[in-house]
Amino acid sequence: MGLKASPPPPKPRPMSLPTASHAGFRFRLSRPELALIGITMLWGATFLVVHLAMRQEGALFFVGLRFLSAGVLLAILFRREMIQVTPQEVGAGAAIGLAICLGYGAQTFGLKTISSSQSAFITAAYVPLVPLLQWVVLKRPPALMSWVAVGFAFVGLLLLAGPGAHGIGFGVGEVVTLLGTLAMAAEILLIGTFAGRVNSRRVTVVQLVAAGMFALIAMPFAGEVVPDASASWFAAALGLGVMSAIIQLTMNWAQAFVSPTRATLIYAGEPVWAGIVGRLAGERLAPLALLGGGLILVGTLIGELRPQRRSKAHNAPAK
């Protein structure tokens, strides 16, 4: 995830998507919104790629290769800007990179034992978990709607965790993935802490490189060695690195035009796309698991779409 650029450039002209004329309205999506939809679909597809790659060993090496390649690619693209990187940006990028390493490392390990669809829905719970982490770390109590969102997400997690069992329970894959979700929530807090004080492009490069390096450094401590993997395994890791770079660049550009609320609505579709890709690949979620995933999505949306008091700003056109 990237830091929002400032100041925002002018808003591009929206593209109209035609609907039935008798309905009397049109859906209007701007190019940045269409771009965010595109990378959300791409993002959802990455879960299945990682799940298939984890049939072999090497979770940390896979994460390291993925993010290091993405960081190197962006460093080449932004090589002129990287000359001006500051110690503060290195520190911020390293902190965010550590959270990325922990989050995606846990998610990748979890994908050894759970389906890509389950992983995607559990990962989506990071949004309603952010207010709780903010309460613990920054002593800012969550608002009422945040508690409601957490409640929906918690029930959804319970239903999603053990859909094939007679009772509801968490296996190793679900627990590790949920811990990774906490790390992703920490990443959001860190990005918000440093936003506006650092250059978004330079920090993005540092955080990606740092995430990859942290994963490689952690390998011996986790008892992991470089796997004797196939060419397709390495291609998947490098391909995901390129996809991560594309996703990051698109987010940094598009979120300068799209409001956080609209962006969150679009990102909430990530587990849906992951579920569609997983189903096409033969994965099947039980009805209770689908219900749990739906509740997590509801919690994600409630956590972001809080009611606001009517004001002049409220009546202004949405960005």
Protein backbone atom coordinates (compact mmCIF):
# COMPACT_ATOMS: atom_id res chain seq x y z
CA MET A 1 0.00 0.00 0.00
CA GLY A 2 1.22 3.46 -0.74
CA LEU A 3 1.19 6.89 0.79
CA LYS A 4 -1.17 9.41 -0.71
CA ALA A 5 0.54 11.95 -2.95
CA SER A 6 0.10 15.66 -2.19
CA PRO A 7 -1.12 17.96 -3.66
CA PRO A 8 -3.61 16.02 -5.81
CA PRO A 9 -3.57 16.62 -9.58
CA PRO A 10 -6.72 17.71 -11.41
CA LYS A 11 -9.47 15.13 -11.56
CA PRO A 12 -9.67 13.30 -14.91
CA ARG A 13 -12.82 13.42 -16.93
CA PRO A 14 -15.17 10.58 -15.97
CA MET A 15 -16.02 7.81 -18.40
CA SER A 16 -19.71 7.02 -18.67
CA LEU A 17 -20.75 3.40 -18.64
CA PRO A 18 -24.15 3.15 -20.40
CA THR A 19 -27.07 1.45 -18.71
CA ALA A 20 -30.68 0.89 -19.75
CA SER A 21 -32.07 4.21 -20.97
CA HIS A 22 -35.47 3.70 -19.33
CA ALA A 23 -33.79 3.61 -15.92
CA GLY A 24 -33.08 7.34 -16.21
CA PHE A 25 -29.55 7.22 -14.81
CA ARG A 26 -25.99 6.26 -15.65
CA PHE A 27 -23.13 4.79 -13.68
CA ARG A 28 -20.13 7.07 -14.05
CA LEU A 29 -16.68 5.67 -13.36
CA SER A 30 -13.53 7.73 -13.82
CA ARG A 31 -10.36 6.27 -15.26
CA PRO A 32 -8.72 6.11 -11.80
CA GLU A 33 -11.74 4.20 -10.45
CA LEU A 34 -11.59 1.77 -13.37
CA ALA A 35 -7.86 1.38 -12.71
CA LEU A 36 -8.52 0.56 -9.04
CA ILE A 37 -11.14 -2.01 -10.06
CA GLY A 38 -8.57 -3.55 -12.40
CA ILE A 39 -5.84 -3.87 -9.77
CA THR A 40 -8.38 -5.18 -7.23
CA MET A 41 -9.20 -8.00 -9.65
CA LEU A 42 -5.45 -8.56 -10.13
CA TRP A 43 -4.95 -8.47 -6.37
CA GLY A 44 -7.65 -11.07 -5.83
CA ALA A 45 -6.02 -13.40 -8.34
CA THR A 46 -2.71 -13.34 -6.43
CA PHE A 47 -4.19 -15.48 -3.64
CA LEU A 48 -4.61 -18.48 -5.92
CA VAL A 49 -1.13 -18.03 -7.40
CA VAL A 50 0.43 -18.06 -3.92
CA HIS A 51 -1.76 -20.99 -2.84
CA LEU A 52 -0.55 -23.06 -5.79
CA ALA A 53 3.07 -22.02 -5.25
CA MET A 54 2.89 -23.07 -1.58
CA ARG A 55 2.47 -26.70 -2.58
CA GLN A 56 6.24 -26.54 -2.34
CA GLU A 57 8.26 -25.26 0.62
CA GLY A 58 9.73 -21.80 0.93
CA ALA A 59 7.16 -19.30 2.26
CA LEU A 60 9.71 -16.72 3.42
CA PHE A 61 11.89 -17.13 0.35
CA PHE A 62 8.81 -16.71 -1.83
CA VAL A 63 7.82 -13.49 0.02
CA GLY A 64 11.38 -12.19 -0.12
CA LEU A 65 11.73 -12.82 -3.83
CA ARG A 66 8.30 -11.32 -4.52
CA PHE A 67 8.80 -8.00 -2.74
CA LEU A 68 12.50 -7.59 -3.44
CA SER A 69 11.85 -7.91 -7.18
CA ALA A 70 8.99 -5.39 -6.91
CA GLY A 71 11.21 -2.96 -4.98
CA VAL A 72 14.09 -3.28 -7.44
CA LEU A 73 11.75 -2.70 -10.38
CA LEU A 74 10.36 0.49 -8.83
CA ALA A 75 13.85 1.63 -7.78
CA ILE A 76 14.89 1.46 -11.43
CA LEU A 77 11.80 3.43 -12.51
CA PHE A 78 12.34 6.08 -9.80
CA ARG A 79 16.15 6.02 -9.81
CA ARG A 80 16.44 9.80 -10.05
CA GLU A 81 14.17 10.35 -7.05
CA MET A 82 15.92 7.66 -5.01
CA ILE A 83 19.12 9.71 -5.00
CA GLN A 84 17.34 12.15 -2.66
CA VAL A 85 16.09 9.55 -0.16
CA THR A 86 16.35 10.79 3.46
CA PRO A 87 17.11 8.92 6.71
CA GLN A 88 13.51 9.54 7.82
CA GLU A 89 12.20 7.88 4.65
CA VAL A 90 14.54 4.92 5.15
CA GLY A 91 13.28 4.54 8.73
CA ALA A 92 9.62 4.87 7.71
CA GLY A 93 10.05 2.46 4.82
CA ALA A 94 11.84 -0.07 7.03
CA ALA A 95 9.06 0.02 9.65
CA ILE A 96 6.33 -0.39 7.02
CA GLY A 97 8.40 -3.07 5.28
CA LEU A 98 8.65 -5.08 8.50
CA ALA A 99 4.85 -5.00 8.84
CA ILE A 100 4.50 -6.08 5.19
CA CYS A 101 6.95 -8.93 5.76
CA LEU A 102 5.06 -10.18 8.83
CA GLY A 103 1.65 -9.78 7.17
CA TYR A 104 2.39 -11.39 3.84
CA GLY A 105 4.76 -13.95 5.37
CA ALA A 106 1.94 -15.18 7.64
CA GLN A 107 -0.58 -15.04 4.80
CA THR A 108 1.73 -17.03 2.52
CA PHE A 109 2.37 -19.65 5.21
CA GLY A 110 -1.37 -19.92 5.87
CA LEU A 111 -2.03 -20.59 2.20
CA LYS A 112 -0.24 -23.91 2.62
CA THR A 113 -3.26 -25.32 4.46
CA ILE A 114 -6.30 -23.14 3.64
CA SER A 115 -7.90 -22.21 0.33
CA SER A 116 -7.21 -18.95 -1.47
CA SER A 117 -10.85 -17.91 -0.96
CA GLN A 118 -10.66 -18.42 2.82
CA SER A 119 -7.38 -16.54 3.00
CA ALA A 120 -8.77 -13.61 1.04
CA PHE A 121 -11.84 -13.22 3.26
CA ILE A 122 -9.81 -13.50 6.48
CA THR A 123 -7.32 -10.96 5.15
CA ALA A 124 -10.18 -8.54 4.41
CA ALA A 125 -10.81 -8.35 8.16
CA TYR A 126 -7.82 -6.02 8.52
CA VAL A 127 -10.06 -3.03 7.81
CA PRO A 128 -12.35 -3.37 10.86
CA LEU A 129 -9.33 -4.44 12.95
CA VAL A 130 -7.52 -1.13 12.37
CA PRO A 131 -9.67 0.81 14.91
CA LEU A 132 -8.96 -1.82 17.58
CA LEU A 133 -5.23 -1.63 16.95
CA GLN A 134 -5.48 2.15 16.98
CA TRP A 135 -7.14 1.92 20.40
CA VAL A 136 -4.39 -0.32 21.80
CA VAL A 137 -1.45 1.62 20.34
CA LEU A 138 -2.66 5.22 20.11
CA LYS A 139 -5.27 5.13 22.91
CA ARG A 140 -8.03 6.30 20.53
CA PRO A 141 -11.29 4.47 21.39
CA PRO A 142 -13.19 3.15 18.36
CA ALA A 143 -16.45 4.82 17.34
CA LEU A 144 -19.75 2.98 17.69
CA MET A 145 -19.83 1.95 14.02
CA SER A 146 -16.30 0.56 14.35
CA TRP A 147 -17.52 -1.74 17.14
CA VAL A 148 -20.41 -2.86 14.93
CA ALA A 149 -17.95 -3.54 12.09
CA VAL A 150 -15.69 -5.56 14.40
CA GLY A 151 -18.71 -7.59 15.54
CA PHE A 152 -19.67 -8.49 11.97
CA ALA A 153 -16.07 -9.38 11.14
CA PHE A 154 -15.67 -11.53 14.26
CA VAL A 155 -18.80 -13.58 13.56
CA GLY A 156 -17.74 -13.89 9.94
CA LEU A 157 -14.32 -15.19 10.97
CA LEU A 158 -15.91 -17.82 13.20
CA LEU A 159 -18.10 -19.07 10.36
CA LEU A 160 -15.26 -18.97 7.85
CA ALA A 161 -12.71 -20.71 10.05
CA GLY A 162 -14.28 -24.15 10.28
CA PRO A 163 -16.81 -24.55 7.46
CA GLY A 164 -16.07 -28.24 6.96
CA ALA A 165 -16.07 -29.19 10.64
CA HIS A 166 -18.96 -30.19 12.86
CA GLY A 167 -18.15 -27.30 15.16
CA ILE A 168 -16.54 -23.92 14.73
CA GLY A 169 -12.80 -23.82 15.26
CA PHE A 170 -9.55 -22.34 14.05
CA GLY A 171 -6.83 -24.44 12.45
CA VAL A 172 -3.17 -23.48 12.12
CA GLY A 173 -3.69 -21.91 8.70
CA GLU A 174 -6.55 -19.70 9.88
CA VAL A 175 -4.72 -18.60 13.05
CA VAL A 176 -1.51 -17.70 11.19
CA THR A 177 -3.48 -15.83 8.51
CA LEU A 178 -5.37 -13.89 11.18
CA LEU A 179 -2.08 -12.91 12.85
CA GLY A 180 -0.89 -11.72 9.46
CA THR A 181 -4.06 -9.64 9.20
CA LEU A 182 -3.08 -7.85 12.42
CA ALA A 183 0.30 -7.05 10.87
CA MET A 184 -1.47 -5.61 7.82
CA ALA A 185 -3.59 -3.44 10.11
CA ALA A 186 -0.34 -2.24 11.71
CA GLU A 187 0.91 -1.40 8.21
CA ILE A 188 -2.10 0.87 7.69
CA LEU A 189 -1.38 2.69 10.97
CA LEU A 190 2.27 3.16 10.06
CA ILE A 191 1.39 4.51 6.63
CA GLY A 192 -1.02 6.98 8.26
CA THR A 193 1.66 8.00 10.78
CA PHE A 194 4.23 8.88 8.12
CA ALA A 195 1.84 10.23 5.46
CA GLY A 196 2.54 13.82 4.48
CA ARG A 197 6.01 13.79 6.03
CA VAL A 198 7.83 11.68 3.46
CA ASN A 199 7.98 11.22 -0.31
CA SER A 200 5.49 8.49 -1.22
CA ARG A 201 7.47 7.05 -4.12
CA ARG A 202 10.77 6.82 -2.25
CA VAL A 203 9.12 5.29 0.81
CA THR A 204 7.27 2.79 -1.38
CA VAL A 205 10.57 1.60 -2.88
CA VAL A 206 12.22 1.36 0.55
CA GLN A 207 9.29 -0.52 2.10
CA LEU A 208 9.17 -3.09 -0.70
CA VAL A 209 12.91 -3.70 -0.63
CA ALA A 210 12.86 -3.84 3.18
CA ALA A 211 9.98 -6.34 3.19
CA GLY A 212 11.90 -8.60 0.83
CA MET A 213 15.14 -8.30 2.80
CA PHE A 214 13.46 -8.95 6.15
CA ALA A 215 11.89 -12.12 4.74
CA LEU A 216 15.22 -13.41 3.43
CA ILE A 217 17.02 -12.56 6.68
CA ALA A 218 14.35 -14.44 8.68
CA MET A 219 14.78 -17.66 6.69
CA PRO A 220 17.51 -19.30 8.84
CA PHE A 221 15.70 -18.37 12.06
CA ALA A 222 12.57 -20.11 10.74
CA GLY A 223 14.60 -23.15 9.72
CA GLU A 224 13.96 -22.43 6.06
CA VAL A 225 16.46 -22.93 3.25
CA VAL A 226 16.36 -21.95 -0.40
CA PRO A 227 13.89 -24.44 -1.87
CA ASP A 228 14.69 -26.78 -4.69
CA ALA A 229 11.83 -25.28 -6.63
CA SER A 230 10.84 -25.50 -10.27
CA ALA A 231 11.19 -22.78 -12.87
CA SER A 232 7.43 -22.17 -12.66
CA TRP A 233 7.76 -21.54 -8.90
CA PHE A 234 10.38 -18.84 -9.45
CA ALA A 235 8.34 -17.43 -12.34
CA ALA A 236 5.33 -17.14 -10.01
CA ALA A 237 7.36 -15.27 -7.38
CA LEU A 238 8.88 -12.87 -9.92
CA GLY A 239 5.53 -12.45 -11.66
CA LEU A 240 3.88 -11.52 -8.36
CA GLY A 241 6.69 -9.02 -7.83
CA VAL A 242 5.83 -7.33 -11.11
CA MET A 243 2.13 -7.44 -10.20
CA SER A 244 2.89 -5.89 -6.79
CA ALA A 245 4.80 -3.07 -8.49
CA ILE A 246 1.90 -2.44 -10.91
CA ILE A 247 -0.62 -2.50 -8.06
CA GLN A 248 1.49 -0.10 -5.99
CA LEU A 249 2.04 2.37 -8.82
CA THR A 250 -1.64 2.34 -9.74
CA MET A 251 -2.74 2.90 -6.14
CA ASN A 252 -0.34 5.83 -5.72
CA TRP A 253 -1.67 7.43 -8.89
CA ALA A 254 -5.38 6.65 -8.62
CA GLN A 255 -5.85 7.50 -4.93
CA ALA A 256 -4.84 11.06 -5.70
CA PHE A 257 -8.17 11.33 -7.57
CA VAL A 258 -10.43 8.89 -5.70
CA SER A 259 -11.74 9.55 -2.20
CA PRO A 260 -10.74 7.08 0.56
CA THR A 261 -14.36 5.94 0.93
CA ARG A 262 -14.74 5.07 -2.74
CA ALA A 263 -11.34 3.40 -2.78
CA THR A 264 -12.33 1.27 0.22
CA LEU A 265 -15.55 0.22 -1.52
CA ILE A 266 -13.52 -0.91 -4.52
CA TYR A 267 -10.90 -2.71 -2.41
CA ALA A 268 -13.65 -4.54 -0.53
CA GLY A 269 -14.19 -6.51 -3.73
CA GLU A 270 -10.75 -8.14 -3.43
CA PRO A 271 -11.94 -11.31 -1.62
CA VAL A 272 -14.90 -11.53 -4.01
CA TRP A 273 -12.57 -11.61 -7.00
CA ALA A 274 -10.33 -14.09 -5.14
CA GLY A 275 -13.39 -16.28 -4.56
CA ILE A 276 -14.37 -16.12 -8.23
CA VAL A 277 -10.84 -17.05 -9.36
CA GLY A 278 -10.70 -19.80 -6.75
CA ARG A 279 -14.02 -21.23 -7.86
CA LEU A 280 -12.92 -21.25 -11.49
CA ALA A 281 -9.89 -23.22 -10.31
CA GLY A 282 -12.08 -25.77 -8.55
CA GLU A 283 -12.26 -24.41 -5.00
CA ARG A 284 -15.60 -24.70 -3.21
CA LEU A 285 -16.62 -22.91 -0.03
CA ALA A 286 -19.38 -24.33 2.12
CA PRO A 287 -22.55 -22.20 2.61
CA LEU A 288 -21.51 -21.25 6.16
CA ALA A 289 -18.11 -20.14 4.88
CA LEU A 290 -19.74 -18.00 2.19
CA LEU A 291 -21.98 -16.44 4.84
CA GLY A 292 -18.92 -15.76 7.00
CA GLY A 293 -17.12 -14.12 4.09
CA GLY A 294 -20.17 -11.96 3.43
CA LEU A 295 -20.28 -10.82 7.07
CA ILE A 296 -16.60 -9.85 6.90
CA LEU A 297 -17.34 -7.75 3.80
CA VAL A 298 -20.26 -6.10 5.61
CA GLY A 299 -17.96 -5.32 8.53
CA THR A 300 -15.38 -3.88 6.16
CA LEU A 301 -17.92 -1.53 4.56
CA ILE A 302 -19.54 -0.50 7.85
CA GLY A 303 -16.12 0.29 9.27
CA GLU A 304 -15.53 2.83 6.49
CA LEU A 305 -18.99 4.13 5.61
CA ARG A 306 -19.79 5.97 8.82
CA PRO A 307 -22.79 8.34 8.86
CA GLN A 308 -21.83 11.99 8.77
CA ARG A 309 -23.66 15.05 9.99
CA ARG A 310 -25.34 17.06 7.29
CA SER A 311 -23.32 20.10 6.33
CA LYS A 312 -22.36 22.14 3.30
CA ALA A 313 -19.60 19.68 2.61
CA HIS A 314 -22.12 16.85 2.85
CA ASN A 315 -24.14 18.36 0.02
CA ALA A 316 -21.13 18.87 -2.19
CA PRO A 317 -20.65 16.47 -5.13
CA ALA A 318 -18.68 13.37 -4.30
CA LYS A 319 -15.15 13.13 -5.59
